[in-house]
Amino acid sequence: MPLRLPDRLPAIDLLKKENIFVMDTSRATTQDIRPLKIVILNLMPLKITTETDLVRLLSNTPLQLDIYFMKLKSHTPKNTPIEHMMMFYKDFEELRKHKFDGMIITGAPVETYEFEDVTYWEEMKDIFSWAKTHVTSTLYICWAAQAGLYYHYGIPKYPLKKKKFGIFAQHTLEPMLPIFRGFDELFMMPHSRHTEIHREDILANKELSLIAESEESGVSIVMARGGREFFITGHLEYAPNTLDKEYKRDVGVRDDVEMPINYYKNDCPENGPLVTWRAHANLFYSNWINYYVYQETPYNIEEIE
């Protein structure tokens, strides 16, 4: 798996301990192939954790990927050392002159705010618009999915009475799509959010396709522009212990914290999580890279439009 990462990125050592082969920039430059360029706009508070989660999934491909990390000029993260951001991340203003084969935009801890009240909303709108013409296929995750659907297609979000928190079964509605190649009829997906989008709004928009949903957690995956955009309301990328850390962080501190559903073995936190989503998470990202990035992107990356 020739996945090319910036030299000394912490995810490299973490993933090598899992026997996942990654390649730093110095070694990858000796391979004479055209790597796919993937840019990640990481809006999550714990940057290193999210980097590792996403790189772990992107590593499951025989293609060489060049990974770039984007940051916002209008927002300074509080939970990641500034040295890390300076070493591995580039401002959107610097990256916007380039084109990319694929892009991932993560969730962000701002979902209870109106989109226009988010301090970096103007820059996000600029990035969303840029991605339409500079990226072959973009994955929007959780808050980014809601924000992208709102910006591109006018889809509103709605507050939930209580947090949607746990692992929920999803139904594939268009199982013949390449993104679902190898999928079972049901697959599991972690969710952790306070807002939702309604299926009626998606179905009313002819530009959108609802391709996966859940009886418990609602709209799951929406596709647009023939796969140039995917909007994912949950977190297939989550590591096994992510919801556990979130639950233990908030229980006893907030009054709206309930134990994550379908997560702990025998519903007992002391037993640890039962991982039920990892296989489909790897399959989803492999299918995205293969069928919607690699097979769709032009050899000359400047021809993306």
Protein backbone atom coordinates (compact mmCIF):
# COMPACT_ATOMS: atom_id res chain seq x y z
CA MET A 1 0.00 0.00 0.00
CA PRO A 2 2.02 3.03 -1.20
CA LEU A 3 0.32 5.83 0.72
CA ARG A 4 2.54 8.89 0.80
CA LEU A 5 2.49 11.10 3.89
CA PRO A 6 4.50 14.11 5.00
CA ASP A 7 7.76 13.15 6.71
CA ARG A 8 7.40 12.76 10.51
CA LEU A 9 3.60 12.90 10.55
CA PRO A 10 2.60 11.20 13.86
CA ALA A 11 0.13 8.92 12.06
CA ILE A 12 3.04 7.13 10.36
CA ASP A 13 4.40 5.59 13.56
CA LEU A 14 0.92 4.92 14.95
CA LEU A 15 -0.14 3.00 11.84
CA LYS A 16 3.11 1.06 11.55
CA LYS A 17 2.34 -0.38 14.98
CA GLU A 18 -0.89 -1.73 13.42
CA ASN A 19 1.16 -3.35 10.63
CA ILE A 20 -0.25 -0.89 8.11
CA PHE A 21 2.32 0.04 5.49
CA VAL A 22 2.72 3.74 4.87
CA MET A 23 5.41 5.59 3.00
CA ASP A 24 6.89 8.96 3.80
CA THR A 25 7.65 11.53 1.12
CA SER A 26 11.35 10.71 0.91
CA ARG A 27 10.78 7.10 -0.10
CA ALA A 28 7.76 7.69 -2.33
CA THR A 29 9.65 10.04 -4.63
CA THR A 30 11.62 7.03 -5.93
CA GLN A 31 8.45 5.52 -7.47
CA ASP A 32 7.82 6.57 -11.07
CA ILE A 33 4.01 6.71 -11.08
CA ARG A 34 1.36 9.44 -11.05
CA PRO A 35 0.03 9.44 -7.47
CA LEU A 36 -3.50 10.54 -6.67
CA LYS A 37 -3.66 13.81 -4.75
CA ILE A 38 -6.04 13.72 -1.77
CA VAL A 39 -6.59 16.80 0.38
CA ILE A 40 -8.15 16.60 3.86
CA LEU A 41 -9.77 19.63 5.47
CA ASN A 42 -9.59 18.54 9.10
CA LEU A 43 -12.02 20.53 11.27
CA MET A 44 -12.09 18.12 14.21
CA PRO A 45 -10.62 19.34 17.52
CA LEU A 46 -8.19 16.41 17.95
CA LYS A 47 -6.33 16.74 14.67
CA ILE A 48 -3.83 13.91 15.14
CA THR A 49 -6.57 11.41 16.04
CA THR A 50 -8.62 12.30 12.97
CA GLU A 51 -5.56 12.24 10.72
CA THR A 52 -4.78 8.72 11.89
CA ASP A 53 -8.39 7.53 11.50
CA LEU A 54 -8.61 8.74 7.91
CA VAL A 55 -5.16 7.64 6.85
CA ARG A 56 -5.90 4.18 8.24
CA LEU A 57 -8.85 3.85 5.83
CA LEU A 58 -7.12 5.44 2.87
CA SER A 59 -4.26 2.98 3.26
CA ASN A 60 -6.41 0.07 2.08
CA THR A 61 -5.65 0.54 -1.63
CA PRO A 62 -2.83 -0.51 -4.00
CA LEU A 63 -2.72 3.02 -5.46
CA GLN A 64 -0.21 5.63 -4.42
CA LEU A 65 -1.87 8.57 -2.69
CA ASP A 66 -0.30 11.92 -1.86
CA ILE A 67 -2.04 13.26 1.26
CA TYR A 68 -2.31 16.99 1.92
CA PHE A 69 -3.80 18.59 5.02
CA MET A 70 -5.70 21.86 4.71
CA LYS A 71 -6.45 24.35 7.46
CA LEU A 72 -8.55 27.47 7.69
CA LYS A 73 -7.01 30.90 7.84
CA SER A 74 -10.08 32.21 9.70
CA HIS A 75 -9.88 29.69 12.57
CA THR A 76 -7.09 28.71 14.95
CA PRO A 77 -7.51 25.25 16.56
CA LYS A 78 -7.15 25.13 20.35
CA ASN A 79 -6.41 21.44 20.91
CA THR A 80 -3.50 20.81 18.56
CA PRO A 81 0.05 22.18 19.01
CA ILE A 82 0.75 25.10 16.72
CA GLU A 83 4.00 23.38 15.71
CA HIS A 84 2.02 20.46 14.34
CA MET A 85 -0.25 22.75 12.33
CA MET A 86 2.67 24.70 10.92
CA MET A 87 4.59 21.57 9.95
CA PHE A 88 1.84 19.51 8.32
CA TYR A 89 -1.02 21.86 7.35
CA LYS A 90 -1.37 24.49 4.64
CA ASP A 91 -3.89 27.31 4.41
CA PHE A 92 -6.67 27.05 1.87
CA GLU A 93 -5.30 30.19 0.21
CA GLU A 94 -2.09 28.31 -0.52
CA LEU A 95 -3.78 25.13 -1.77
CA ARG A 96 -6.57 26.70 -3.79
CA LYS A 97 -4.27 27.22 -6.78
CA HIS A 98 -3.99 23.43 -7.13
CA LYS A 99 -6.40 20.71 -8.23
CA PHE A 100 -6.98 17.43 -6.38
CA ASP A 101 -8.26 14.00 -7.28
CA GLY A 102 -10.15 13.63 -4.01
CA MET A 103 -11.07 15.65 -0.94
CA ILE A 104 -12.37 14.83 2.53
CA ILE A 105 -14.01 17.49 4.72
CA THR A 106 -14.52 16.35 8.31
CA GLY A 107 -17.11 17.16 10.91
CA ALA A 108 -16.72 20.04 13.36
CA PRO A 109 -18.02 20.74 16.90
CA VAL A 110 -20.28 23.59 15.74
CA GLU A 111 -23.45 21.77 14.69
CA THR A 112 -25.73 23.50 17.20
CA TYR A 113 -24.92 26.89 15.62
CA GLU A 114 -26.70 28.24 12.61
CA PHE A 115 -24.37 27.89 9.63
CA GLU A 116 -24.12 31.66 9.18
CA ASP A 117 -23.12 32.04 12.85
CA VAL A 118 -20.05 29.83 12.52
CA THR A 119 -17.04 32.15 12.63
CA TYR A 120 -15.40 30.53 9.61
CA TRP A 121 -18.55 30.10 7.50
CA GLU A 122 -17.45 32.55 4.79
CA GLU A 123 -14.23 30.65 4.25
CA MET A 124 -16.13 27.35 4.23
CA LYS A 125 -18.41 28.65 1.49
CA ASP A 126 -15.36 29.60 -0.54
CA ILE A 127 -13.93 26.09 -0.11
CA PHE A 128 -17.23 24.41 -1.03
CA SER A 129 -17.43 26.46 -4.22
CA TRP A 130 -13.77 25.80 -5.08
CA ALA A 131 -14.16 22.03 -4.57
CA LYS A 132 -16.83 21.79 -7.28
CA THR A 133 -14.32 22.69 -9.99
CA HIS A 134 -10.99 21.67 -8.43
CA VAL A 135 -11.73 18.19 -7.03
CA THR A 136 -12.88 15.03 -8.81
CA SER A 137 -14.82 13.66 -5.82
CA THR A 138 -15.41 15.06 -2.32
CA LEU A 139 -16.53 13.29 0.87
CA TYR A 140 -18.41 15.52 3.32
CA ILE A 141 -18.60 14.01 6.83
CA CYS A 142 -21.12 14.77 9.65
CA TRP A 143 -21.30 18.57 10.14
CA ALA A 144 -19.56 19.07 6.81
CA ALA A 145 -22.27 16.91 5.19
CA GLN A 146 -24.99 19.11 6.64
CA ALA A 147 -23.09 22.27 5.74
CA GLY A 148 -22.37 21.07 2.19
CA LEU A 149 -25.98 20.08 1.58
CA TYR A 150 -27.12 23.45 2.90
CA TYR A 151 -24.66 25.47 0.83
CA HIS A 152 -24.93 23.54 -2.45
CA TYR A 153 -28.60 22.49 -2.37
CA GLY A 154 -30.41 24.54 0.29
CA ILE A 155 -31.09 21.52 2.55
CA PRO A 156 -31.77 22.65 6.15
CA LYS A 157 -30.75 20.87 9.34
CA TYR A 158 -33.02 20.26 12.32
CA PRO A 159 -32.21 19.99 16.05
CA LEU A 160 -32.70 16.62 17.72
CA LYS A 161 -34.50 16.24 21.04
CA LYS A 162 -31.53 14.25 22.28
CA LYS A 163 -28.11 13.43 20.90
CA LYS A 164 -27.93 10.69 18.27
CA PHE A 165 -25.15 8.65 19.82
CA GLY A 166 -24.13 5.09 19.06
CA ILE A 167 -23.82 2.51 16.29
CA PHE A 168 -26.81 2.15 13.97
CA ALA A 169 -27.72 -0.27 11.16
CA GLN A 170 -27.92 1.32 7.70
CA HIS A 171 -29.78 0.07 4.62
CA THR A 172 -28.27 0.45 1.15
CA LEU A 173 -30.99 1.90 -1.10
CA GLU A 174 -29.03 1.60 -4.35
CA PRO A 175 -26.91 -1.52 -3.79
CA MET A 176 -25.70 -1.67 -7.41
CA LEU A 177 -23.78 1.57 -7.09
CA PRO A 178 -19.99 1.04 -7.19
CA ILE A 179 -19.63 2.77 -3.80
CA PHE A 180 -21.48 -0.23 -2.30
CA ARG A 181 -19.65 -2.96 -4.20
CA GLY A 182 -19.10 -5.85 -1.78
CA PHE A 183 -21.49 -4.41 0.83
CA ASP A 184 -24.07 -6.45 2.71
CA GLU A 185 -27.67 -5.25 2.69
CA LEU A 186 -27.10 -3.84 6.18
CA PHE A 187 -23.99 -2.13 7.46
CA MET A 188 -23.20 -0.39 10.73
CA MET A 189 -22.15 3.24 11.15
CA PRO A 190 -21.21 5.28 14.23
CA HIS A 191 -23.15 8.52 14.82
CA SER A 192 -22.51 11.34 17.25
CA ARG A 193 -24.57 14.47 16.55
CA HIS A 194 -27.23 16.84 17.87
CA THR A 195 -28.88 17.71 14.55
CA GLU A 196 -30.24 15.88 11.51
CA ILE A 197 -31.41 16.30 7.94
CA HIS A 198 -34.79 15.03 6.77
CA ARG A 199 -35.25 12.48 4.01
CA GLU A 200 -38.22 14.44 2.62
CA ASP A 201 -35.94 17.37 1.85
CA ILE A 202 -33.44 15.10 0.09
CA LEU A 203 -36.09 13.30 -1.96
CA ALA A 204 -37.63 16.61 -3.03
CA ASN A 205 -34.37 17.70 -4.67
CA LYS A 206 -33.81 16.03 -8.04
CA GLU A 207 -30.09 16.74 -7.89
CA LEU A 208 -29.68 14.52 -4.83
CA SER A 209 -29.86 10.75 -4.39
CA LEU A 210 -30.53 9.20 -0.99
CA ILE A 211 -28.44 6.03 -1.21
CA ALA A 212 -28.39 4.80 2.42
CA GLU A 213 -30.54 5.38 5.48
CA SER A 214 -31.43 3.95 8.88
CA GLU A 215 -34.70 3.39 10.70
CA GLU A 216 -32.97 4.61 13.87
CA SER A 217 -30.55 7.30 12.71
CA GLY A 218 -32.28 8.57 9.55
CA VAL A 219 -30.49 9.84 6.44
CA SER A 220 -27.09 8.19 6.19
CA ILE A 221 -25.44 8.83 2.80
CA VAL A 222 -26.50 11.22 0.04
CA MET A 223 -24.86 11.31 -3.39
CA ALA A 224 -24.78 14.16 -5.90
CA ARG A 225 -23.29 14.88 -9.31
CA GLY A 226 -22.85 11.20 -10.13
CA GLY A 227 -20.52 10.62 -7.20
CA ARG A 228 -18.51 13.82 -7.33
CA GLU A 229 -20.06 14.57 -3.93
CA PHE A 230 -20.93 12.23 -1.07
CA PHE A 231 -22.55 13.52 2.13
CA ILE A 232 -22.16 11.13 5.08
CA THR A 233 -24.04 11.96 8.28
CA GLY A 234 -22.11 9.52 10.48
CA HIS A 235 -18.51 8.54 11.12
CA LEU A 236 -17.34 5.41 9.34
CA GLU A 237 -13.80 6.60 10.04
CA TYR A 238 -14.11 6.37 13.82
CA ALA A 239 -11.62 4.18 15.69
CA PRO A 240 -13.03 1.53 18.06
CA ASN A 241 -12.56 3.68 21.18
CA THR A 242 -13.74 7.06 19.87
CA LEU A 243 -17.31 6.92 21.23
CA ASP A 244 -16.00 5.48 24.49
CA LYS A 245 -13.69 8.45 24.98
CA GLU A 246 -16.50 10.86 24.13
CA TYR A 247 -18.92 9.18 26.54
CA LYS A 248 -16.43 9.10 29.43
CA ARG A 249 -15.49 12.72 28.75
CA ASP A 250 -19.07 13.95 29.01
CA VAL A 251 -20.82 11.64 31.48
CA GLY A 252 -21.33 13.39 34.79
CA VAL A 253 -20.32 16.71 33.20
CA ARG A 254 -23.30 17.27 30.89
CA ASP A 255 -26.92 16.47 31.70
CA ASP A 256 -27.76 15.21 28.20
CA VAL A 257 -25.28 12.33 28.05
CA GLU A 258 -26.62 8.82 27.53
CA MET A 259 -24.66 5.63 26.93
CA PRO A 260 -23.98 5.08 23.21
CA ILE A 261 -26.49 2.65 21.68
CA ASN A 262 -25.37 -0.73 20.26
CA TYR A 263 -21.77 0.02 21.19
CA TYR A 264 -20.58 -1.68 24.37
CA LYS A 265 -20.54 -5.45 24.72
CA ASN A 266 -23.72 -6.39 26.61
CA ASP A 267 -24.37 -2.63 27.03
CA CYS A 268 -21.72 -2.50 29.73
CA PRO A 269 -18.98 0.18 29.42
CA GLU A 270 -16.60 -1.95 31.47
CA ASN A 271 -16.71 -4.61 28.74
CA GLY A 272 -15.42 -2.24 26.08
CA PRO A 273 -16.80 -1.64 22.56
CA LEU A 274 -17.92 -4.28 20.08
CA VAL A 275 -16.56 -3.14 16.71
CA THR A 276 -19.18 -3.78 14.00
CA TRP A 277 -18.39 -1.15 11.35
CA ARG A 278 -14.69 -1.55 10.52
CA ALA A 279 -15.02 -3.89 7.50
CA HIS A 280 -17.59 -1.74 5.70
CA ALA A 281 -15.65 1.42 6.54
CA ASN A 282 -12.58 0.03 4.77
CA LEU A 283 -14.71 -1.13 1.85
CA PHE A 284 -16.45 2.23 1.50
CA TYR A 285 -13.20 4.20 1.32
CA SER A 286 -11.58 1.67 -1.03
CA ASN A 287 -14.59 1.85 -3.35
CA TRP A 288 -14.55 5.64 -3.25
CA ILE A 289 -10.86 5.82 -4.15
CA ASN A 290 -11.14 3.19 -6.89
CA TYR A 291 -14.46 3.95 -8.59
CA TYR A 292 -15.05 7.65 -7.96
CA VAL A 293 -11.51 9.03 -7.81
CA TYR A 294 -9.03 6.82 -9.67
CA GLN A 295 -11.36 5.74 -12.48
CA GLU A 296 -12.89 9.20 -12.97
CA THR A 297 -10.02 11.63 -12.54
CA PRO A 298 -8.08 12.70 -15.67
CA TYR A 299 -4.44 11.70 -15.98
CA ASN A 300 -3.61 15.36 -16.36
CA ILE A 301 -4.93 16.68 -13.09
CA GLU A 302 -5.26 20.19 -14.48
CA GLU A 303 -8.15 18.94 -16.65
CA ILE A 304 -10.43 18.57 -13.61
CA GLU A 305 -13.36 20.95 -13.98
